[in-house]
Amino acid sequence: MDKKEVFVPVICSEASHCVSLKEICAGLEEEGVPYKVVDTIQEWSTSLQIKIVIDGEDILLYHDKLPNKQAYLNEKRGHERRAGKNAARMVKGLPLVSRE
């Protein structure tokens, strides 16, 4: 039986997203949820059903159980930490941090 690691994959293929990446990871850390930064979707195998994708100005949060592989949340640059916190809260089953 293969054991899967427990972490939220943060998928970022461009080095230019370094500031966004740092803030997203800080949001995950504040909530106590482990993460790994990966270059492509194929690199990760995790038992958690949440993933974060940085795509240009968008930060997309996905849940594996949603139909049509649609993003559950879409945050814009400037709200990276909230995106990380919300991904962690999705993992833990807690209410999401609302937009102000």
C-alpha atoms as a PDB file:
ATOM      1  CA  MET A   1       0.000   0.000   0.000  1.00  0.00           C
ATOM      2  CA  ASP A   2       1.394   3.386  -1.008  1.00  0.00           C
ATOM      3  CA  LYS A   3       1.427   6.004   1.680  1.00  0.00           C
ATOM      4  CA  LYS A   4       0.660   9.498   0.514  1.00  0.00           C
ATOM      5  CA  GLU A   5       2.251  12.481   2.125  1.00  0.00           C
ATOM      6  CA  VAL A   6       0.104  15.009   3.949  1.00  0.00           C
ATOM      7  CA  PHE A   7       0.546  18.515   2.560  1.00  0.00           C
ATOM      8  CA  VAL A   8      -1.138  21.152   0.429  1.00  0.00           C
ATOM      9  CA  PRO A   9       0.660  21.470  -2.916  1.00  0.00           C
ATOM     10  CA  VAL A  10       1.363  25.037  -3.999  1.00  0.00           C
ATOM     11  CA  ILE A  11       1.893  24.923  -7.754  1.00  0.00           C
ATOM     12  CA  CYS A  12       4.009  27.742  -9.127  1.00  0.00           C
ATOM     13  CA  SER A  13       6.097  27.420 -12.269  1.00  0.00           C
ATOM     14  CA  GLU A  14       7.371  30.980 -12.532  1.00  0.00           C
ATOM     15  CA  ALA A  15      10.045  32.417 -10.244  1.00  0.00           C
ATOM     16  CA  SER A  16       8.465  35.860 -10.657  1.00  0.00           C
ATOM     17  CA  HIS A  17       5.766  34.861  -8.166  1.00  0.00           C
ATOM     18  CA  CYS A  18       8.242  34.749  -5.293  1.00  0.00           C
ATOM     19  CA  VAL A  19       6.448  37.398  -3.180  1.00  0.00           C
ATOM     20  CA  SER A  20       3.052  35.768  -3.740  1.00  0.00           C
ATOM     21  CA  LEU A  21       4.480  32.389  -2.892  1.00  0.00           C
ATOM     22  CA  LYS A  22       5.995  33.624   0.370  1.00  0.00           C
ATOM     23  CA  GLU A  23       2.697  35.135   1.524  1.00  0.00           C
ATOM     24  CA  ILE A  24       0.620  32.091   0.543  1.00  0.00           C
ATOM     25  CA  CYS A  25       2.967  29.846   2.495  1.00  0.00           C
ATOM     26  CA  ALA A  26       2.805  32.206   5.484  1.00  0.00           C
ATOM     27  CA  GLY A  27      -1.002  31.889   5.493  1.00  0.00           C
ATOM     28  CA  LEU A  28      -0.744  28.084   5.469  1.00  0.00           C
ATOM     29  CA  GLU A  29       1.866  28.155   8.262  1.00  0.00           C
ATOM     30  CA  GLU A  30      -0.272  30.452  10.431  1.00  0.00           C
ATOM     31  CA  GLU A  31      -3.021  27.826  10.315  1.00  0.00           C
ATOM     32  CA  GLY A  32      -0.576  24.975  10.987  1.00  0.00           C
ATOM     33  CA  VAL A  33      -1.089  23.127   7.701  1.00  0.00           C
ATOM     34  CA  PRO A  34       1.933  21.605   5.908  1.00  0.00           C
ATOM     35  CA  TYR A  35       2.636  22.519   2.280  1.00  0.00           C
ATOM     36  CA  LYS A  36       5.117  21.873  -0.508  1.00  0.00           C
ATOM     37  CA  VAL A  37       5.954  24.105  -3.436  1.00  0.00           C
ATOM     38  CA  VAL A  38       5.990  22.148  -6.699  1.00  0.00           C
ATOM     39  CA  ASP A  39       6.558  23.086 -10.344  1.00  0.00           C
ATOM     40  CA  THR A  40       3.844  20.967 -11.915  1.00  0.00           C
ATOM     41  CA  ILE A  41       0.705  19.110 -10.941  1.00  0.00           C
ATOM     42  CA  GLN A  42       2.310  15.745 -11.729  1.00  0.00           C
ATOM     43  CA  GLU A  43       4.954  16.198  -8.999  1.00  0.00           C
ATOM     44  CA  TRP A  44       2.678  15.771  -6.016  1.00  0.00           C
ATOM     45  CA  SER A  45       0.867  12.959  -4.320  1.00  0.00           C
ATOM     46  CA  THR A  46      -0.988  13.934  -1.165  1.00  0.00           C
ATOM     47  CA  SER A  47      -3.869  12.635   0.871  1.00  0.00           C
ATOM     48  CA  LEU A  48      -5.291  16.154   1.196  1.00  0.00           C
ATOM     49  CA  GLN A  49      -7.780  17.148  -1.478  1.00  0.00           C
ATOM     50  CA  ILE A  50      -6.810  20.813  -1.686  1.00  0.00           C
ATOM     51  CA  LYS A  51      -4.293  22.456  -4.001  1.00  0.00           C
ATOM     52  CA  ILE A  52      -3.241  26.029  -4.731  1.00  0.00           C
ATOM     53  CA  VAL A  53      -2.225  27.190  -8.217  1.00  0.00           C
ATOM     54  CA  ILE A  54      -0.586  30.545  -8.893  1.00  0.00           C
ATOM     55  CA  ASP A  55      -1.535  31.575 -12.427  1.00  0.00           C
ATOM     56  CA  GLY A  56      -0.460  35.078 -13.396  1.00  0.00           C
ATOM     57  CA  GLU A  57      -2.427  37.500 -11.217  1.00  0.00           C
ATOM     58  CA  ASP A  58      -4.787  34.766  -9.975  1.00  0.00           C
ATOM     59  CA  ILE A  59      -4.417  32.490  -6.981  1.00  0.00           C
ATOM     60  CA  LEU A  60      -6.729  29.528  -7.467  1.00  0.00           C
ATOM     61  CA  LEU A  61      -7.823  27.144  -4.709  1.00  0.00           C
ATOM     62  CA  TYR A  62      -9.054  23.749  -5.872  1.00  0.00           C
ATOM     63  CA  HIS A  63     -10.833  20.922  -4.083  1.00  0.00           C
ATOM     64  CA  ASP A  64     -10.671  17.467  -5.679  1.00  0.00           C
ATOM     65  CA  LYS A  65     -14.345  16.749  -4.982  1.00  0.00           C
ATOM     66  CA  LEU A  66     -15.658  19.672  -7.041  1.00  0.00           C
ATOM     67  CA  PRO A  67     -17.082  18.783 -10.460  1.00  0.00           C
ATOM     68  CA  ASN A  68     -15.455  19.903 -13.697  1.00  0.00           C
ATOM     69  CA  LYS A  69     -12.175  20.717 -11.954  1.00  0.00           C
ATOM     70  CA  GLN A  70     -13.366  24.258 -11.262  1.00  0.00           C
ATOM     71  CA  ALA A  71     -11.557  26.501  -8.794  1.00  0.00           C
ATOM     72  CA  TYR A  72     -13.402  26.797  -5.481  1.00  0.00           C
ATOM     73  CA  LEU A  73     -11.894  30.206  -4.721  1.00  0.00           C
ATOM     74  CA  ASN A  74     -10.140  32.728  -6.922  1.00  0.00           C
ATOM     75  CA  GLU A  75      -8.061  35.388  -5.194  1.00  0.00           C
ATOM     76  CA  LYS A  76      -6.094  38.175  -6.861  1.00  0.00           C
ATOM     77  CA  ARG A  77      -2.596  39.345  -6.112  1.00  0.00           C
ATOM     78  CA  GLY A  78      -2.537  41.332  -2.910  1.00  0.00           C
ATOM     79  CA  HIS A  79      -4.581  38.703  -1.059  1.00  0.00           C
ATOM     80  CA  GLU A  80      -2.023  35.905  -1.008  1.00  0.00           C
ATOM     81  CA  ARG A  81      -1.987  35.381   2.754  1.00  0.00           C
ATOM     82  CA  ARG A  82      -5.790  35.122   2.860  1.00  0.00           C
ATOM     83  CA  ALA A  83      -5.618  32.537   0.052  1.00  0.00           C
ATOM     84  CA  GLY A  84      -3.143  30.465   2.078  1.00  0.00           C
ATOM     85  CA  LYS A  85      -5.255  30.744   5.229  1.00  0.00           C
ATOM     86  CA  ASN A  86      -8.412  29.755   3.347  1.00  0.00           C
ATOM     87  CA  ALA A  87      -6.735  26.724   1.787  1.00  0.00           C
ATOM     88  CA  ALA A  88      -5.649  25.642   5.261  1.00  0.00           C
ATOM     89  CA  ARG A  89      -9.133  26.233   6.643  1.00  0.00           C
ATOM     90  CA  MET A  90     -10.626  24.131   3.834  1.00  0.00           C
ATOM     91  CA  VAL A  91      -8.337  21.291   4.938  1.00  0.00           C
ATOM     92  CA  LYS A  92      -9.365  21.694   8.585  1.00  0.00           C
ATOM     93  CA  GLY A  93     -13.084  22.194   7.882  1.00  0.00           C
ATOM     94  CA  LEU A  94     -13.140  25.671   9.448  1.00  0.00           C
ATOM     95  CA  PRO A  95     -15.028  28.744   8.209  1.00  0.00           C
ATOM     96  CA  LEU A  96     -13.155  30.686   5.548  1.00  0.00           C
ATOM     97  CA  VAL A  97     -11.641  34.111   6.113  1.00  0.00           C
ATOM     98  CA  SER A  98     -14.034  36.525   4.426  1.00  0.00           C
ATOM     99  CA  ARG A  99     -13.136  39.238   1.985  1.00  0.00           C
ATOM    100  CA  GLU A 100     -13.206  42.691   3.503  1.00  0.00           C
END
